[in-house]
Amino acid sequence: VQLQASGGGLVQAGGSLRLSCAYSGGRTFNNYGMGWFRQAPGKEREFVAAISWNGGNTYYADSVKGRFTISRDNAKNTVYLQMNSLKPEDTAVYYCAADTYGVLTATSAVDGDEYDYWGQGTLVTVSS
């Protein structure tokens, strides 16, 4: 399994970015629940958003709720994270992850240990 994250960059506060994570592997993409996590310098990795295998359930960290939207296109083997109203505190390396058990719950979605595969990360920098 390979997860290729892209779309990061430098943006001013209040701006928007859309991250993409392209999946490649032996199993069909829609078998996987997908998540986004981030890690800021000097801080621990934290959950951002997750989506179940068919997009029927989504989960968000309180810090991004109402600003970020996770979605997936199973035909394109890709999961997205639309980030609006960005704040300097959103600055971090963003990682996508795949959970082999595609049915995420509110408990499992936020737990990084639930995910089996991780992408390489893409850096998002929000200037004030």
Protein backbone atom coordinates (compact mmCIF):
# COMPACT_ATOMS: atom_id res chain seq x y z
CA VAL A 1 0.00 0.00 0.00
CA GLN A 2 1.20 3.48 -0.87
CA LEU A 3 -0.39 6.74 0.18
CA GLN A 4 0.84 9.87 -1.55
CA ALA A 5 -0.20 13.12 0.10
CA SER A 6 0.00 16.41 -1.78
CA GLY A 7 -1.39 19.92 -1.83
CA GLY A 8 0.43 21.49 1.07
CA GLY A 9 2.04 24.89 0.87
CA LEU A 10 2.26 28.38 2.29
CA VAL A 11 -0.97 30.31 2.73
CA GLN A 12 -2.03 33.41 4.61
CA ALA A 13 -4.38 33.21 7.55
CA GLY A 14 -7.96 33.04 6.34
CA GLY A 15 -6.96 31.29 3.16
CA SER A 16 -7.74 27.82 1.87
CA LEU A 17 -5.92 24.72 0.73
CA ARG A 18 -7.05 21.33 -0.49
CA LEU A 19 -4.95 18.32 0.39
CA SER A 20 -5.13 15.12 -1.61
CA CYS A 21 -4.06 11.61 -0.73
CA ALA A 22 -3.76 9.12 -3.56
CA TYR A 23 -3.96 5.42 -2.73
CA SER A 24 -2.31 2.58 -4.57
CA GLY A 25 -2.32 -1.02 -3.49
CA GLY A 26 -3.67 -4.47 -4.00
CA ARG A 27 -7.01 -4.08 -2.25
CA THR A 28 -9.81 -1.92 -3.55
CA PHE A 29 -9.62 1.57 -2.09
CA ASN A 30 -13.18 1.49 -0.83
CA ASN A 31 -12.22 -1.23 1.64
CA TYR A 32 -10.37 1.36 3.70
CA GLY A 33 -11.42 3.96 6.18
CA MET A 34 -9.24 7.02 5.72
CA GLY A 35 -7.97 9.63 8.10
CA TRP A 36 -5.95 12.82 8.23
CA PHE A 37 -3.63 13.60 11.10
CA ARG A 38 -1.17 16.41 11.64
CA GLN A 39 1.94 17.09 13.63
CA ALA A 40 3.16 20.57 14.42
CA PRO A 41 6.80 21.23 15.37
CA GLY A 42 7.47 20.11 18.91
CA LYS A 43 4.01 18.67 19.35
CA GLU A 44 2.48 15.23 19.24
CA ARG A 45 0.55 13.96 16.27
CA GLU A 46 -3.13 14.77 16.47
CA PHE A 47 -6.27 13.64 14.73
CA VAL A 48 -7.83 16.00 12.18
CA ALA A 49 -10.57 14.19 10.26
CA ALA A 50 -11.66 10.75 9.09
CA ILE A 51 -14.10 9.20 6.67
CA SER A 52 -15.53 5.71 6.45
CA TRP A 53 -15.14 3.46 3.44
CA ASN A 54 -18.20 4.74 1.62
CA GLY A 55 -18.14 8.31 2.87
CA GLY A 56 -21.20 7.69 4.98
CA ASN A 57 -19.57 8.73 8.23
CA THR A 58 -17.16 11.58 8.83
CA TYR A 59 -15.41 12.68 11.99
CA TYR A 60 -13.60 15.89 12.87
CA ALA A 61 -11.46 17.26 15.61
CA ASP A 62 -13.19 20.08 17.45
CA SER A 63 -10.41 22.44 16.40
CA VAL A 64 -11.25 22.06 12.70
CA LYS A 65 -14.98 21.42 12.77
CA GLY A 66 -16.80 23.86 10.50
CA ARG A 67 -13.60 24.82 8.66
CA PHE A 68 -12.30 21.54 7.23
CA THR A 69 -14.14 19.00 5.10
CA ILE A 70 -12.99 15.47 4.38
CA SER A 71 -14.26 13.68 1.29
CA ARG A 72 -13.31 10.78 -0.92
CA ASP A 73 -13.61 9.74 -4.53
CA ASN A 74 -13.40 5.96 -4.63
CA ALA A 75 -13.29 5.96 -8.43
CA LYS A 76 -10.08 8.00 -8.23
CA ASN A 77 -8.66 6.19 -5.19
CA THR A 78 -8.25 9.54 -3.48
CA VAL A 79 -9.25 11.20 -0.23
CA TYR A 80 -9.33 14.97 0.15
CA LEU A 81 -9.13 17.48 2.95
CA GLN A 82 -10.56 20.88 2.09
CA MET A 83 -9.22 23.40 4.57
CA ASN A 84 -10.85 26.82 4.79
CA SER A 85 -10.39 29.76 7.14
CA LEU A 86 -6.91 28.57 7.94
CA LYS A 87 -5.22 29.77 11.10
CA PRO A 88 -1.54 29.94 12.04
CA GLU A 89 -2.17 27.13 14.55
CA ASP A 90 -3.08 24.85 11.63
CA THR A 91 0.57 24.89 10.59
CA ALA A 92 1.81 21.30 10.61
CA VAL A 93 2.80 18.35 8.52
CA TYR A 94 -0.40 16.62 7.45
CA TYR A 95 -0.49 12.86 7.07
CA CYS A 96 -3.10 10.66 5.51
CA ALA A 97 -3.66 7.17 6.85
CA ALA A 98 -5.63 4.07 5.88
CA ASP A 99 -7.52 1.76 8.18
CA THR A 100 -7.98 -1.77 6.86
CA TYR A 101 -11.25 -2.06 8.77
CA GLY A 102 -13.20 0.46 6.73
CA VAL A 103 -16.01 1.07 9.18
CA LEU A 104 -14.67 3.78 11.44
CA THR A 105 -16.35 4.74 14.68
CA ALA A 106 -16.07 7.93 16.66
CA THR A 107 -13.64 6.12 18.94
CA SER A 108 -11.51 4.35 16.37
CA ALA A 109 -11.31 7.25 13.93
CA VAL A 110 -9.30 9.46 16.27
CA ASP A 111 -6.84 6.75 17.31
CA GLY A 112 -3.72 6.72 15.20
CA ASP A 113 -2.96 3.17 16.28
CA GLU A 114 -6.09 2.01 14.45
CA TYR A 115 -4.57 2.89 11.09
CA ASP A 116 -2.44 0.41 9.21
CA TYR A 117 -0.78 2.54 6.55
CA TRP A 118 0.57 6.09 6.51
CA GLY A 119 1.59 8.50 3.81
CA GLN A 120 4.73 10.60 3.85
CA GLY A 121 3.12 13.88 4.86
CA THR A 122 2.68 17.27 3.27
CA LEU A 123 3.62 20.54 4.96
CA VAL A 124 1.03 23.24 5.51
CA THR A 125 2.26 26.62 6.69
CA VAL A 126 -0.19 29.35 7.59
CA SER A 127 1.26 32.81 8.01
CA SER A 128 -0.35 35.45 10.19
